[in-house]
Amino acid sequence: MSWHMVHCSEIESLRTPLQFLTFSEAYLDSAARLCAIRAASPNESSYPRGAVILSLAFHGIELFLKAAILEKAPEERFGGRAGHDIEYLYKRYKNLFPGAEYVIEVPFRKRGIDSSGLNLPITEELRDSVNAHERATPTDQLHRYPRNMEGQPWQGIYAFEPNSFSLTISQVQEDISRLRESIFLGPHG
């Protein structure tokens, strides 16, 4: 057997944003490869295996957004819950990179609810209910653990389908590949 040791020194010379980007690409590559294996072997698929893929993809996207933010705002810090909040990171990214050329399709984002036609008390109740659910079910934790911090099952029903998620991962990878040039190697980099 031949051994091939890899070492963290291979990224030490990279600027911090590029280190984050390198890790982002590695997480997404791993998610894509595992997703392809699950798609090719549906009898061996399970929700826990799918959750691992979702977790890898989530973290890869989080790291890309942080890489881009750090490229434009090197002083940025990602402490607390906001550091894992895809919605917050995406809004910060869009603020720093507002042009159409920086658009990226980001799964795991919150989808707005169309409350037009509802009266104000019902709209507020619906919004409060959705916000409470999102607080109780943080996406960065949902796919990493089978239960919440209190040891209770997650609220909701969750599923995974590898063929369709392969397309999602591919789109994210294509977007990041396109943005690599303009954000990290172009006039901003």
C-alpha atoms as a PDB file:
ATOM      1  CA  MET A   1       0.000   0.000   0.000  1.00  0.00           C
ATOM      2  CA  SER A   2       1.244   3.433  -0.898  1.00  0.00           C
ATOM      3  CA  TRP A   3       0.538   6.297   1.494  1.00  0.00           C
ATOM      4  CA  HIS A   4       0.049   9.875   0.387  1.00  0.00           C
ATOM      5  CA  MET A   5       0.108  12.339   3.280  1.00  0.00           C
ATOM      6  CA  VAL A   6      -1.522  15.718   2.754  1.00  0.00           C
ATOM      7  CA  HIS A   7      -0.817  18.562   5.126  1.00  0.00           C
ATOM      8  CA  CYS A   8      -2.483  21.828   6.137  1.00  0.00           C
ATOM      9  CA  SER A   9       0.616  23.688   4.985  1.00  0.00           C
ATOM     10  CA  GLU A  10      -0.744  23.521   1.431  1.00  0.00           C
ATOM     11  CA  ILE A  11      -3.213  26.304   2.251  1.00  0.00           C
ATOM     12  CA  GLU A  12      -1.155  28.351   4.738  1.00  0.00           C
ATOM     13  CA  SER A  13       0.195  30.643   2.034  1.00  0.00           C
ATOM     14  CA  LEU A  14      -3.297  31.487   0.771  1.00  0.00           C
ATOM     15  CA  ARG A  15      -5.075  34.634   1.899  1.00  0.00           C
ATOM     16  CA  THR A  16      -7.769  33.895   4.501  1.00  0.00           C
ATOM     17  CA  PRO A  17     -10.687  34.307   2.040  1.00  0.00           C
ATOM     18  CA  LEU A  18      -9.042  31.792  -0.309  1.00  0.00           C
ATOM     19  CA  GLN A  19      -8.580  29.357   2.563  1.00  0.00           C
ATOM     20  CA  PHE A  20     -12.324  29.602   3.257  1.00  0.00           C
ATOM     21  CA  LEU A  21     -13.044  29.196  -0.466  1.00  0.00           C
ATOM     22  CA  THR A  22     -10.816  26.113  -0.686  1.00  0.00           C
ATOM     23  CA  PHE A  23     -12.665  24.511   2.220  1.00  0.00           C
ATOM     24  CA  SER A  24     -16.010  25.500   0.672  1.00  0.00           C
ATOM     25  CA  GLU A  25     -15.116  23.761  -2.568  1.00  0.00           C
ATOM     26  CA  ALA A  26     -13.918  20.679  -0.667  1.00  0.00           C
ATOM     27  CA  TYR A  27     -17.166  20.413   1.337  1.00  0.00           C
ATOM     28  CA  LEU A  28     -19.280  20.823  -1.804  1.00  0.00           C
ATOM     29  CA  ASP A  29     -17.171  18.313  -3.731  1.00  0.00           C
ATOM     30  CA  SER A  30     -17.593  15.783  -0.919  1.00  0.00           C
ATOM     31  CA  ALA A  31     -21.355  16.435  -0.790  1.00  0.00           C
ATOM     32  CA  ALA A  32     -21.616  15.978  -4.572  1.00  0.00           C
ATOM     33  CA  ARG A  33     -19.639  12.715  -4.534  1.00  0.00           C
ATOM     34  CA  LEU A  34     -21.662  11.241  -1.674  1.00  0.00           C
ATOM     35  CA  CYS A  35     -24.895  12.366  -3.310  1.00  0.00           C
ATOM     36  CA  ALA A  36     -23.888  10.598  -6.541  1.00  0.00           C
ATOM     37  CA  ILE A  37     -23.201   7.404  -4.570  1.00  0.00           C
ATOM     38  CA  ARG A  38     -26.631   7.634  -2.881  1.00  0.00           C
ATOM     39  CA  ALA A  39     -28.310   8.245  -6.249  1.00  0.00           C
ATOM     40  CA  ALA A  40     -26.545   5.249  -7.791  1.00  0.00           C
ATOM     41  CA  SER A  41     -27.439   2.977  -4.858  1.00  0.00           C
ATOM     42  CA  PRO A  42     -30.975   3.882  -3.784  1.00  0.00           C
ATOM     43  CA  ASN A  43     -31.350   0.704  -1.720  1.00  0.00           C
ATOM     44  CA  GLU A  44     -28.446   1.835   0.468  1.00  0.00           C
ATOM     45  CA  SER A  45     -29.830   5.336   0.915  1.00  0.00           C
ATOM     46  CA  SER A  46     -31.230   6.463   4.234  1.00  0.00           C
ATOM     47  CA  TYR A  47     -32.246   9.747   5.767  1.00  0.00           C
ATOM     48  CA  PRO A  48     -29.159   9.883   8.046  1.00  0.00           C
ATOM     49  CA  ARG A  49     -26.896   9.457   5.006  1.00  0.00           C
ATOM     50  CA  GLY A  50     -28.843  12.149   3.184  1.00  0.00           C
ATOM     51  CA  ALA A  51     -28.634  14.441   6.210  1.00  0.00           C
ATOM     52  CA  VAL A  52     -24.841  14.150   6.096  1.00  0.00           C
ATOM     53  CA  ILE A  53     -24.907  15.287   2.463  1.00  0.00           C
ATOM     54  CA  LEU A  54     -27.192  18.198   3.355  1.00  0.00           C
ATOM     55  CA  SER A  55     -24.888  19.155   6.228  1.00  0.00           C
ATOM     56  CA  LEU A  56     -21.801  19.101   3.990  1.00  0.00           C
ATOM     57  CA  ALA A  57     -23.548  21.199   1.346  1.00  0.00           C
ATOM     58  CA  PHE A  58     -24.847  23.661   3.935  1.00  0.00           C
ATOM     59  CA  HIS A  59     -21.383  24.128   5.403  1.00  0.00           C
ATOM     60  CA  GLY A  60     -19.812  24.478   1.947  1.00  0.00           C
ATOM     61  CA  ILE A  61     -22.239  27.272   1.100  1.00  0.00           C
ATOM     62  CA  GLU A  62     -21.686  28.932   4.463  1.00  0.00           C
ATOM     63  CA  LEU A  63     -17.926  28.896   3.877  1.00  0.00           C
ATOM     64  CA  PHE A  64     -18.284  30.358   0.374  1.00  0.00           C
ATOM     65  CA  LEU A  65     -20.383  33.249   1.689  1.00  0.00           C
ATOM     66  CA  LYS A  66     -17.843  33.871   4.454  1.00  0.00           C
ATOM     67  CA  ALA A  67     -14.986  33.739   1.926  1.00  0.00           C
ATOM     68  CA  ALA A  68     -16.657  36.341  -0.283  1.00  0.00           C
ATOM     69  CA  ILE A  69     -17.503  38.571   2.687  1.00  0.00           C
ATOM     70  CA  LEU A  70     -13.922  38.365   3.960  1.00  0.00           C
ATOM     71  CA  GLU A  71     -12.596  39.217   0.506  1.00  0.00           C
ATOM     72  CA  LYS A  72     -14.464  42.519   0.567  1.00  0.00           C
ATOM     73  CA  ALA A  73     -14.515  43.132   4.347  1.00  0.00           C
ATOM     74  CA  PRO A  74     -11.421  41.470   5.885  1.00  0.00           C
ATOM     75  CA  GLU A  75     -12.285  42.823   9.344  1.00  0.00           C
ATOM     76  CA  GLU A  76     -15.609  40.926   9.400  1.00  0.00           C
ATOM     77  CA  ARG A  77     -16.119  38.463  12.266  1.00  0.00           C
ATOM     78  CA  PHE A  78     -18.677  35.677  12.310  1.00  0.00           C
ATOM     79  CA  GLY A  79     -19.424  35.166  15.971  1.00  0.00           C
ATOM     80  CA  GLY A  80     -22.542  33.761  17.529  1.00  0.00           C
ATOM     81  CA  ARG A  81     -25.535  32.279  15.795  1.00  0.00           C
ATOM     82  CA  ALA A  82     -25.307  34.774  12.883  1.00  0.00           C
ATOM     83  CA  GLY A  83     -22.056  33.081  11.875  1.00  0.00           C
ATOM     84  CA  HIS A  84     -24.044  30.007  10.796  1.00  0.00           C
ATOM     85  CA  ASP A  85     -27.165  31.789   9.577  1.00  0.00           C
ATOM     86  CA  ILE A  86     -27.285  31.352   5.800  1.00  0.00           C
ATOM     87  CA  GLU A  87     -29.943  34.057   5.469  1.00  0.00           C
ATOM     88  CA  TYR A  88     -27.821  36.600   7.370  1.00  0.00           C
ATOM     89  CA  LEU A  89     -24.655  35.663   5.472  1.00  0.00           C
ATOM     90  CA  TYR A  90     -26.457  35.819   2.126  1.00  0.00           C
ATOM     91  CA  LYS A  91     -27.854  39.288   2.890  1.00  0.00           C
ATOM     92  CA  ARG A  92     -24.391  40.471   3.900  1.00  0.00           C
ATOM     93  CA  TYR A  93     -22.953  38.967   0.701  1.00  0.00           C
ATOM     94  CA  LYS A  94     -25.632  40.687  -1.445  1.00  0.00           C
ATOM     95  CA  ASN A  95     -24.892  43.977   0.294  1.00  0.00           C
ATOM     96  CA  LEU A  96     -21.185  43.690  -0.538  1.00  0.00           C
ATOM     97  CA  PHE A  97     -21.728  42.262  -4.051  1.00  0.00           C
ATOM     98  CA  PRO A  98     -24.983  43.814  -5.336  1.00  0.00           C
ATOM     99  CA  GLY A  99     -24.496  43.356  -9.080  1.00  0.00           C
ATOM    100  CA  ALA A 100     -26.324  40.824 -11.227  1.00  0.00           C
ATOM    101  CA  GLU A 101     -22.984  39.187 -12.050  1.00  0.00           C
ATOM    102  CA  TYR A 102     -22.692  38.105  -8.387  1.00  0.00           C
ATOM    103  CA  VAL A 103     -25.994  36.248  -8.204  1.00  0.00           C
ATOM    104  CA  ILE A 104     -25.734  32.797  -6.680  1.00  0.00           C
ATOM    105  CA  GLU A 105     -28.537  30.346  -6.039  1.00  0.00           C
ATOM    106  CA  VAL A 106     -28.320  29.577  -2.318  1.00  0.00           C
ATOM    107  CA  PRO A 107     -30.310  26.597  -1.055  1.00  0.00           C
ATOM    108  CA  PHE A 108     -31.268  26.471   2.632  1.00  0.00           C
ATOM    109  CA  ARG A 109     -32.494  30.081   2.532  1.00  0.00           C
ATOM    110  CA  LYS A 110     -35.776  31.040   4.115  1.00  0.00           C
ATOM    111  CA  ARG A 111     -38.621  31.387   1.672  1.00  0.00           C
ATOM    112  CA  GLY A 112     -41.050  34.210   2.238  1.00  0.00           C
ATOM    113  CA  ILE A 113     -44.717  33.537   2.783  1.00  0.00           C
ATOM    114  CA  ASP A 114     -47.243  35.347   0.648  1.00  0.00           C
ATOM    115  CA  SER A 115     -49.604  36.825   3.197  1.00  0.00           C
ATOM    116  CA  SER A 116     -51.405  39.103   0.774  1.00  0.00           C
ATOM    117  CA  GLY A 117     -55.127  38.841   1.284  1.00  0.00           C
ATOM    118  CA  LEU A 118     -54.801  37.898   4.952  1.00  0.00           C
ATOM    119  CA  ASN A 119     -55.855  40.340   7.627  1.00  0.00           C
ATOM    120  CA  LEU A 120     -53.144  41.857   9.814  1.00  0.00           C
ATOM    121  CA  PRO A 121     -53.671  39.741  12.978  1.00  0.00           C
ATOM    122  CA  ILE A 122     -53.514  36.509  10.952  1.00  0.00           C
ATOM    123  CA  THR A 123     -50.437  37.742   9.063  1.00  0.00           C
ATOM    124  CA  GLU A 124     -48.682  38.595  12.337  1.00  0.00           C
ATOM    125  CA  GLU A 125     -49.638  35.246  13.883  1.00  0.00           C
ATOM    126  CA  LEU A 126     -48.348  33.407  10.814  1.00  0.00           C
ATOM    127  CA  ARG A 127     -45.090  35.386  10.835  1.00  0.00           C
ATOM    128  CA  ASP A 128     -44.624  34.742  14.578  1.00  0.00           C
ATOM    129  CA  SER A 129     -45.260  31.021  14.081  1.00  0.00           C
ATOM    130  CA  VAL A 130     -42.754  30.792  11.218  1.00  0.00           C
ATOM    131  CA  ASN A 131     -40.140  32.736  13.213  1.00  0.00           C
ATOM    132  CA  ALA A 132     -40.628  30.489  16.259  1.00  0.00           C
ATOM    133  CA  HIS A 133     -40.235  27.389  14.075  1.00  0.00           C
ATOM    134  CA  GLU A 134     -37.038  28.763  12.513  1.00  0.00           C
ATOM    135  CA  ARG A 135     -35.581  29.553  15.947  1.00  0.00           C
ATOM    136  CA  ALA A 136     -36.452  26.043  17.179  1.00  0.00           C
ATOM    137  CA  THR A 137     -35.080  24.412  14.033  1.00  0.00           C
ATOM    138  CA  PRO A 138     -31.768  26.049  13.074  1.00  0.00           C
ATOM    139  CA  THR A 139     -30.735  24.682   9.687  1.00  0.00           C
ATOM    140  CA  ASP A 140     -27.062  24.474  10.644  1.00  0.00           C
ATOM    141  CA  GLN A 141     -28.030  21.996  13.381  1.00  0.00           C
ATOM    142  CA  LEU A 142     -30.993  20.246  11.758  1.00  0.00           C
ATOM    143  CA  HIS A 143     -28.935  18.078   9.406  1.00  0.00           C
ATOM    144  CA  ARG A 144     -26.109  17.451  11.881  1.00  0.00           C
ATOM    145  CA  TYR A 145     -28.046  15.958  14.763  1.00  0.00           C
ATOM    146  CA  PRO A 146     -31.066  13.631  15.037  1.00  0.00           C
ATOM    147  CA  ARG A 147     -32.539  15.717  17.895  1.00  0.00           C
ATOM    148  CA  ASN A 148     -32.424  19.309  19.116  1.00  0.00           C
ATOM    149  CA  MET A 149     -30.373  20.618  22.060  1.00  0.00           C
ATOM    150  CA  GLU A 150     -33.135  19.683  24.499  1.00  0.00           C
ATOM    151  CA  GLY A 151     -33.059  16.092  23.251  1.00  0.00           C
ATOM    152  CA  GLN A 152     -36.429  16.438  21.525  1.00  0.00           C
ATOM    153  CA  PRO A 153     -37.200  15.417  17.938  1.00  0.00           C
ATOM    154  CA  TRP A 154     -36.992  18.262  15.411  1.00  0.00           C
ATOM    155  CA  GLN A 155     -40.316  19.935  14.683  1.00  0.00           C
ATOM    156  CA  GLY A 156     -41.409  19.073  11.161  1.00  0.00           C
ATOM    157  CA  ILE A 157     -40.973  16.347   8.597  1.00  0.00           C
ATOM    158  CA  TYR A 158     -37.670  16.187   6.728  1.00  0.00           C
ATOM    159  CA  ALA A 159     -36.659  14.150   3.720  1.00  0.00           C
ATOM    160  CA  PHE A 160     -33.846  13.788   1.202  1.00  0.00           C
ATOM    161  CA  GLU A 161     -33.819  12.787  -2.459  1.00  0.00           C
ATOM    162  CA  PRO A 162     -30.316  12.367  -3.972  1.00  0.00           C
ATOM    163  CA  ASN A 163     -31.097  12.756  -7.689  1.00  0.00           C
ATOM    164  CA  SER A 164     -32.707  16.167  -7.323  1.00  0.00           C
ATOM    165  CA  PHE A 165     -30.205  17.354  -4.723  1.00  0.00           C
ATOM    166  CA  SER A 166     -27.351  16.437  -7.085  1.00  0.00           C
ATOM    167  CA  LEU A 167     -28.700  19.104  -9.432  1.00  0.00           C
ATOM    168  CA  THR A 168     -28.797  21.631  -6.597  1.00  0.00           C
ATOM    169  CA  ILE A 169     -25.197  20.931  -5.610  1.00  0.00           C
ATOM    170  CA  SER A 170     -24.070  21.131  -9.246  1.00  0.00           C
ATOM    171  CA  GLN A 171     -25.706  24.538  -9.648  1.00  0.00           C
ATOM    172  CA  VAL A 172     -24.001  25.851  -6.504  1.00  0.00           C
ATOM    173  CA  GLN A 173     -20.646  24.509  -7.695  1.00  0.00           C
ATOM    174  CA  GLU A 174     -21.110  26.142 -11.115  1.00  0.00           C
ATOM    175  CA  ASP A 175     -22.007  29.462  -9.498  1.00  0.00           C
ATOM    176  CA  ILE A 176     -18.994  29.349  -7.189  1.00  0.00           C
ATOM    177  CA  SER A 177     -16.694  28.418 -10.058  1.00  0.00           C
ATOM    178  CA  ARG A 178     -17.975  31.436 -12.022  1.00  0.00           C
ATOM    179  CA  LEU A 179     -17.716  33.744  -8.993  1.00  0.00           C
ATOM    180  CA  ARG A 180     -14.215  32.523  -8.087  1.00  0.00           C
ATOM    181  CA  GLU A 181     -12.813  34.577 -10.959  1.00  0.00           C
ATOM    182  CA  SER A 182     -14.759  37.780 -10.408  1.00  0.00           C
ATOM    183  CA  ILE A 183     -14.625  37.914  -6.601  1.00  0.00           C
ATOM    184  CA  PHE A 184     -11.282  36.413  -5.677  1.00  0.00           C
ATOM    185  CA  LEU A 185      -9.119  36.887  -8.758  1.00  0.00           C
ATOM    186  CA  GLY A 186     -10.742  39.892 -10.447  1.00  0.00           C
ATOM    187  CA  PRO A 187     -10.816  43.593  -9.522  1.00  0.00           C
ATOM    188  CA  HIS A 188     -12.039  42.836  -5.971  1.00  0.00           C
ATOM    189  CA  GLY A 189      -9.365  40.224  -5.256  1.00  0.00           C
END
